[in-house]
Amino acid sequence: MSEHAKVPRDGFMVPLIGIPKDATEEKCARCGKVLPLTEAYLRGSEYRCKTCVGKKLPSMTNPIEPRKPGRPPIRGETAGAHVHIRTTLDRKNAWVKAAKPRKLSEWVTETVDQAAGYRENS
């Protein structure tokens, strides 16, 4: 019988019955170190350890490269507010196609501003 995977919980190692140990581990594509998924960072299609990534990253999303900002602020304004929307892949792809050759964030900003009747302070 193969060894079960284990996860730390409240100071104890709790076995995950029915889950093989290697199902919760990944190998760093650069150095080959085997590490738990909770310590692995996904870069493209490869997993990397903290050392090979170069720094500790936020959990869950694990972005390796900094995200590109949306529309840059105009005339010294500070872009401090965020809008987040969840949608279907088909709908997003249609928006990206409609936005070409501009970035989606620019197109969405212009489209929403126009629909809301928003105008920059001149």
N, C-alpha and C. Protein backbone atom coordinates (compact mmCIF):
# COMPACT_ATOMS: atom_id res chain seq x y z
N MET A 1 0.84 -1.18 0.00
CA MET A 1 0.00 0.00 0.00
C MET A 1 0.89 1.25 0.00
N SER A 2 0.55 2.21 -0.86
CA SER A 2 1.37 3.42 -0.94
C SER A 2 1.07 4.36 0.23
N GLU A 3 2.01 5.22 0.50
CA GLU A 3 1.85 6.16 1.61
C GLU A 3 0.85 7.25 1.23
N HIS A 4 0.00 7.62 2.19
CA HIS A 4 -0.98 8.68 1.96
C HIS A 4 -0.32 10.04 2.03
N ALA A 5 -0.90 10.98 1.31
CA ALA A 5 -0.44 12.37 1.42
C ALA A 5 -0.83 12.88 2.80
N LYS A 6 -0.05 13.83 3.32
CA LYS A 6 -0.35 14.43 4.62
C LYS A 6 -0.28 15.93 4.50
N VAL A 7 -1.13 16.62 5.26
CA VAL A 7 -1.12 18.08 5.28
C VAL A 7 -1.04 18.55 6.73
N PRO A 8 -0.35 19.67 6.96
CA PRO A 8 -0.29 20.20 8.32
C PRO A 8 -1.61 20.84 8.71
N ARG A 9 -2.07 20.57 9.92
CA ARG A 9 -3.31 21.15 10.43
C ARG A 9 -3.22 21.27 11.94
N ASP A 10 -3.24 22.49 12.45
CA ASP A 10 -3.20 22.74 13.90
C ASP A 10 -2.05 22.01 14.58
N GLY A 11 -0.89 22.01 13.96
CA GLY A 11 0.28 21.40 14.57
C GLY A 11 0.41 19.90 14.35
N PHE A 12 -0.54 19.30 13.65
CA PHE A 12 -0.50 17.86 13.39
C PHE A 12 -0.40 17.62 11.89
N MET A 13 0.17 16.48 11.51
CA MET A 13 0.18 16.07 10.12
C MET A 13 -1.01 15.13 9.91
N VAL A 14 -1.99 15.58 9.18
CA VAL A 14 -3.23 14.84 8.97
C VAL A 14 -3.14 14.08 7.64
N PRO A 15 -3.36 12.75 7.66
CA PRO A 15 -3.29 11.99 6.42
C PRO A 15 -4.51 12.23 5.54
N LEU A 16 -4.29 12.30 4.23
CA LEU A 16 -5.38 12.41 3.27
C LEU A 16 -5.60 11.01 2.70
N ILE A 17 -6.51 10.29 3.31
CA ILE A 17 -6.75 8.89 2.96
C ILE A 17 -7.18 8.79 1.49
N GLY A 18 -6.51 7.91 0.77
CA GLY A 18 -6.85 7.68 -0.62
C GLY A 18 -6.09 8.58 -1.60
N ILE A 19 -5.35 9.54 -1.08
CA ILE A 19 -4.59 10.44 -1.96
C ILE A 19 -3.11 10.09 -1.84
N PRO A 20 -2.49 9.69 -2.94
CA PRO A 20 -1.07 9.34 -2.87
C PRO A 20 -0.22 10.57 -2.55
N LYS A 21 0.92 10.32 -1.91
CA LYS A 21 1.80 11.39 -1.47
C LYS A 21 2.23 12.29 -2.63
N ASP A 22 2.54 11.68 -3.78
CA ASP A 22 3.04 12.47 -4.90
C ASP A 22 1.96 13.36 -5.54
N ALA A 23 0.70 13.18 -5.19
CA ALA A 23 -0.37 14.02 -5.74
C ALA A 23 -0.39 15.41 -5.10
N THR A 24 0.28 15.60 -4.00
CA THR A 24 0.31 16.89 -3.33
C THR A 24 1.69 17.52 -3.37
N GLU A 25 2.55 17.01 -4.25
CA GLU A 25 3.90 17.53 -4.37
C GLU A 25 4.20 17.88 -5.82
N GLU A 26 5.05 18.85 -6.02
CA GLU A 26 5.52 19.23 -7.35
C GLU A 26 7.03 19.37 -7.30
N LYS A 27 7.65 19.24 -8.45
CA LYS A 27 9.09 19.35 -8.57
C LYS A 27 9.43 20.68 -9.23
N CYS A 28 10.35 21.43 -8.65
CA CYS A 28 10.80 22.70 -9.21
C CYS A 28 11.44 22.42 -10.57
N ALA A 29 11.01 23.14 -11.60
CA ALA A 29 11.52 22.94 -12.95
C ALA A 29 12.97 23.37 -13.09
N ARG A 30 13.45 24.24 -12.21
CA ARG A 30 14.84 24.71 -12.30
C ARG A 30 15.80 23.86 -11.49
N CYS A 31 15.53 23.71 -10.20
CA CYS A 31 16.51 23.03 -9.33
C CYS A 31 16.15 21.57 -9.05
N GLY A 32 14.91 21.17 -9.34
CA GLY A 32 14.51 19.78 -9.14
C GLY A 32 14.04 19.45 -7.73
N LYS A 33 13.99 20.45 -6.84
CA LYS A 33 13.57 20.22 -5.46
C LYS A 33 12.09 19.82 -5.44
N VAL A 34 11.75 18.77 -4.69
CA VAL A 34 10.37 18.33 -4.53
C VAL A 34 9.78 19.09 -3.34
N LEU A 35 8.64 19.73 -3.56
CA LEU A 35 8.02 20.53 -2.51
C LEU A 35 6.51 20.38 -2.53
N PRO A 36 5.86 20.66 -1.39
CA PRO A 36 4.41 20.57 -1.33
C PRO A 36 3.78 21.64 -2.22
N LEU A 37 2.59 21.36 -2.74
CA LEU A 37 1.90 22.32 -3.60
C LEU A 37 1.74 23.69 -2.95
N THR A 38 1.59 23.70 -1.63
CA THR A 38 1.40 24.97 -0.92
C THR A 38 2.65 25.85 -0.98
N GLU A 39 3.79 25.29 -1.35
CA GLU A 39 5.03 26.05 -1.44
C GLU A 39 5.52 26.19 -2.88
N ALA A 40 4.73 25.73 -3.85
CA ALA A 40 5.12 25.78 -5.26
C ALA A 40 4.47 26.99 -5.93
N TYR A 41 5.21 27.61 -6.83
CA TYR A 41 4.72 28.76 -7.59
C TYR A 41 4.65 28.38 -9.05
N LEU A 42 3.52 28.63 -9.68
CA LEU A 42 3.32 28.27 -11.07
C LEU A 42 3.79 29.40 -11.96
N ARG A 43 4.71 29.10 -12.85
CA ARG A 43 5.21 30.09 -13.82
C ARG A 43 4.98 29.48 -15.20
N GLY A 44 3.99 30.02 -15.90
CA GLY A 44 3.62 29.42 -17.18
C GLY A 44 3.10 28.03 -16.93
N SER A 45 3.80 27.03 -17.45
CA SER A 45 3.39 25.64 -17.23
C SER A 45 4.35 24.92 -16.30
N GLU A 46 5.24 25.65 -15.65
CA GLU A 46 6.23 25.05 -14.76
C GLU A 46 6.02 25.47 -13.32
N TYR A 47 6.33 24.56 -12.41
CA TYR A 47 6.34 24.90 -10.99
C TYR A 47 7.75 25.29 -10.59
N ARG A 48 7.87 26.30 -9.71
CA ARG A 48 9.16 26.74 -9.22
C ARG A 48 9.11 26.85 -7.70
N CYS A 49 10.27 26.64 -7.07
CA CYS A 49 10.35 26.81 -5.62
C CYS A 49 10.57 28.29 -5.32
N LYS A 50 10.47 28.66 -4.06
CA LYS A 50 10.61 30.06 -3.63
C LYS A 50 11.96 30.63 -4.06
N THR A 51 13.02 29.84 -3.95
CA THR A 51 14.35 30.31 -4.31
C THR A 51 14.45 30.60 -5.81
N CYS A 52 13.93 29.71 -6.63
CA CYS A 52 14.03 29.88 -8.08
C CYS A 52 13.10 30.96 -8.61
N VAL A 53 12.02 31.22 -7.93
CA VAL A 53 11.13 32.31 -8.33
C VAL A 53 11.78 33.63 -7.99
N GLY A 54 12.51 33.67 -6.88
CA GLY A 54 13.23 34.86 -6.49
C GLY A 54 12.63 35.61 -5.33
N LYS A 55 11.36 35.37 -5.05
CA LYS A 55 10.72 36.04 -3.92
C LYS A 55 9.43 35.32 -3.58
N LYS A 56 8.95 35.53 -2.37
CA LYS A 56 7.68 34.94 -1.94
C LYS A 56 6.57 35.74 -2.58
N LEU A 57 5.60 35.05 -3.13
CA LEU A 57 4.50 35.70 -3.82
C LEU A 57 3.19 35.49 -3.06
N PRO A 58 2.20 36.32 -3.32
CA PRO A 58 0.91 36.14 -2.65
C PRO A 58 0.33 34.76 -2.94
N SER A 59 -0.38 34.22 -1.98
CA SER A 59 -0.98 32.90 -2.18
C SER A 59 -2.14 33.00 -3.14
N MET A 60 -2.62 31.88 -3.57
CA MET A 60 -3.74 31.70 -4.47
C MET A 60 -3.38 32.04 -5.92
N THR A 61 -3.13 33.29 -6.26
CA THR A 61 -2.90 33.64 -7.65
C THR A 61 -1.46 33.39 -8.08
N ASN A 62 -0.52 33.57 -7.19
CA ASN A 62 0.89 33.37 -7.46
C ASN A 62 1.39 34.03 -8.74
N PRO A 63 1.16 35.33 -8.93
CA PRO A 63 1.69 35.94 -10.16
C PRO A 63 3.20 36.02 -10.09
N ILE A 64 3.86 35.68 -11.16
CA ILE A 64 5.31 35.73 -11.20
C ILE A 64 5.77 37.10 -11.67
N GLU A 65 5.14 37.63 -12.69
CA GLU A 65 5.51 38.93 -13.21
C GLU A 65 4.47 39.96 -12.77
N PRO A 66 4.90 41.21 -12.57
CA PRO A 66 3.92 42.20 -12.15
C PRO A 66 2.84 42.37 -13.21
N ARG A 67 1.63 42.58 -12.76
CA ARG A 67 0.52 42.78 -13.68
C ARG A 67 0.64 44.13 -14.35
N LYS A 68 0.23 44.18 -15.60
CA LYS A 68 0.21 45.45 -16.31
C LYS A 68 -0.97 46.25 -15.80
N PRO A 69 -0.79 47.53 -15.57
CA PRO A 69 -1.90 48.34 -15.10
C PRO A 69 -2.90 48.56 -16.23
N GLY A 70 -4.11 48.94 -15.87
CA GLY A 70 -5.12 49.28 -16.86
C GLY A 70 -4.82 50.64 -17.45
N ARG A 71 -5.85 51.36 -17.77
CA ARG A 71 -5.68 52.68 -18.36
C ARG A 71 -4.85 53.54 -17.44
N PRO A 72 -3.83 54.21 -17.98
CA PRO A 72 -3.02 55.05 -17.11
C PRO A 72 -3.82 56.27 -16.66
N PRO A 73 -3.50 56.82 -15.50
CA PRO A 73 -4.19 58.02 -15.04
C PRO A 73 -3.99 59.16 -16.04
N ILE A 74 -4.98 60.01 -16.13
CA ILE A 74 -4.92 61.16 -17.03
C ILE A 74 -4.66 62.42 -16.24
N ARG A 75 -3.77 63.26 -16.73
CA ARG A 75 -3.45 64.56 -16.14
C ARG A 75 -3.25 64.50 -14.63
N GLY A 76 -2.43 63.57 -14.18
CA GLY A 76 -2.06 63.52 -12.78
C GLY A 76 -3.08 62.90 -11.84
N GLU A 77 -4.20 62.42 -12.37
CA GLU A 77 -5.17 61.79 -11.47
C GLU A 77 -4.59 60.47 -10.94
N THR A 78 -5.03 60.07 -9.78
CA THR A 78 -4.58 58.81 -9.19
C THR A 78 -5.65 57.76 -9.45
N ALA A 79 -5.24 56.66 -10.09
CA ALA A 79 -6.17 55.55 -10.34
C ALA A 79 -6.17 54.67 -9.10
N GLY A 80 -7.00 55.01 -8.11
CA GLY A 80 -7.01 54.29 -6.85
C GLY A 80 -8.18 53.34 -6.69
N ALA A 81 -9.15 53.38 -7.61
CA ALA A 81 -10.33 52.52 -7.52
C ALA A 81 -10.16 51.32 -8.45
N HIS A 82 -10.82 50.22 -8.10
CA HIS A 82 -10.73 49.01 -8.91
C HIS A 82 -12.13 48.53 -9.26
N VAL A 83 -12.27 47.95 -10.45
CA VAL A 83 -13.50 47.30 -10.88
C VAL A 83 -13.11 45.89 -11.29
N HIS A 84 -13.81 44.92 -10.74
CA HIS A 84 -13.53 43.51 -11.05
C HIS A 84 -14.83 42.89 -11.53
N ILE A 85 -14.76 42.16 -12.63
CA ILE A 85 -15.97 41.53 -13.17
C ILE A 85 -15.66 40.08 -13.53
N ARG A 86 -16.61 39.21 -13.23
CA ARG A 86 -16.49 37.80 -13.62
C ARG A 86 -17.45 37.58 -14.78
N THR A 87 -16.97 36.86 -15.79
CA THR A 87 -17.79 36.62 -16.97
C THR A 87 -17.41 35.29 -17.59
N THR A 88 -18.11 34.91 -18.65
CA THR A 88 -17.78 33.67 -19.34
C THR A 88 -16.62 33.91 -20.29
N LEU A 89 -15.92 32.85 -20.64
CA LEU A 89 -14.79 32.95 -21.54
C LEU A 89 -15.24 33.45 -22.92
N ASP A 90 -16.37 32.98 -23.41
CA ASP A 90 -16.87 33.42 -24.72
C ASP A 90 -17.13 34.92 -24.74
N ARG A 91 -17.76 35.41 -23.67
CA ARG A 91 -18.05 36.84 -23.60
C ARG A 91 -16.76 37.66 -23.54
N LYS A 92 -15.81 37.22 -22.71
CA LYS A 92 -14.54 37.94 -22.61
C LYS A 92 -13.82 37.95 -23.95
N ASN A 93 -13.79 36.81 -24.64
CA ASN A 93 -13.13 36.74 -25.95
C ASN A 93 -13.78 37.69 -26.95
N ALA A 94 -15.11 37.83 -26.90
CA ALA A 94 -15.81 38.77 -27.79
C ALA A 94 -15.39 40.20 -27.46
N TRP A 95 -15.24 40.52 -26.18
CA TRP A 95 -14.81 41.86 -25.77
C TRP A 95 -13.39 42.14 -26.25
N VAL A 96 -12.49 41.17 -26.08
CA VAL A 96 -11.10 41.35 -26.52
C VAL A 96 -11.06 41.60 -28.03
N LYS A 97 -11.87 40.85 -28.79
CA LYS A 97 -11.92 41.02 -30.24
C LYS A 97 -12.44 42.40 -30.61
N ALA A 98 -13.47 42.87 -29.90
CA ALA A 98 -14.03 44.19 -30.17
C ALA A 98 -13.06 45.30 -29.80
N ALA A 99 -12.20 45.07 -28.83
CA ALA A 99 -11.27 46.08 -28.35
C ALA A 99 -10.07 46.27 -29.29
N LYS A 100 -9.77 45.29 -30.11
CA LYS A 100 -8.58 45.35 -30.97
C LYS A 100 -8.57 46.64 -31.77
N PRO A 101 -7.46 47.34 -31.92
CA PRO A 101 -6.11 46.99 -31.51
C PRO A 101 -5.77 47.51 -30.11
N ARG A 102 -6.74 48.12 -29.44
CA ARG A 102 -6.48 48.65 -28.09
C ARG A 102 -6.48 47.53 -27.07
N LYS A 103 -5.99 47.86 -25.87
CA LYS A 103 -6.06 46.91 -24.76
C LYS A 103 -7.50 46.85 -24.28
N LEU A 104 -7.89 45.69 -23.75
CA LEU A 104 -9.24 45.51 -23.26
C LEU A 104 -9.59 46.54 -22.19
N SER A 105 -8.64 46.83 -21.28
CA SER A 105 -8.92 47.78 -20.20
C SER A 105 -9.22 49.17 -20.75
N GLU A 106 -8.52 49.59 -21.81
CA GLU A 106 -8.78 50.89 -22.42
C GLU A 106 -10.16 50.92 -23.07
N TRP A 107 -10.48 49.84 -23.80
CA TRP A 107 -11.77 49.77 -24.49
C TRP A 107 -12.93 49.76 -23.50
N VAL A 108 -12.80 48.97 -22.43
CA VAL A 108 -13.85 48.90 -21.42
C VAL A 108 -14.04 50.27 -20.77
N THR A 109 -12.94 50.94 -20.42
CA THR A 109 -13.03 52.26 -19.79
C THR A 109 -13.76 53.24 -20.71
N GLU A 110 -13.38 53.28 -21.98
CA GLU A 110 -14.03 54.19 -22.93
C GLU A 110 -15.51 53.84 -23.11
N THR A 111 -15.81 52.56 -23.24
CA THR A 111 -17.19 52.12 -23.46
C THR A 111 -18.08 52.43 -22.26
N VAL A 112 -17.59 52.15 -21.07
CA VAL A 112 -18.37 52.40 -19.84
C VAL A 112 -18.51 53.91 -19.62
N ASP A 113 -17.43 54.68 -19.84
CA ASP A 113 -17.52 56.13 -19.70
C ASP A 113 -18.57 56.70 -20.64
N GLN A 114 -18.58 56.21 -21.89
CA GLN A 114 -19.54 56.70 -22.88
C GLN A 114 -20.98 56.33 -22.46
N ALA A 115 -21.18 55.11 -22.00
CA ALA A 115 -22.53 54.68 -21.58
C ALA A 115 -23.02 55.47 -20.37
N ALA A 116 -22.08 55.84 -19.49
CA ALA A 116 -22.46 56.59 -18.28
C ALA A 116 -22.50 58.09 -18.49
N GLY A 117 -22.05 58.55 -19.67
CA GLY A 117 -22.01 59.97 -19.93
C GLY A 117 -20.91 60.68 -19.16
N TYR A 118 -19.89 59.94 -18.78
CA TYR A 118 -18.78 60.51 -18.00
C TYR A 118 -17.84 61.26 -18.94
N ARG A 119 -17.46 62.46 -18.53
CA ARG A 119 -16.49 63.25 -19.27
C ARG A 119 -15.39 63.70 -18.32
N GLU A 120 -14.16 63.72 -18.83
CA GLU A 120 -13.03 64.19 -18.04
C GLU A 120 -13.23 65.66 -17.70
N ASN A 121 -12.74 66.10 -16.54
CA ASN A 121 -12.76 67.54 -16.21
C ASN A 121 -11.73 68.23 -17.07
N SER A 122 -12.15 69.18 -17.85
CA SER A 122 -11.22 69.86 -18.77
C SER A 122 -10.52 71.00 -18.07
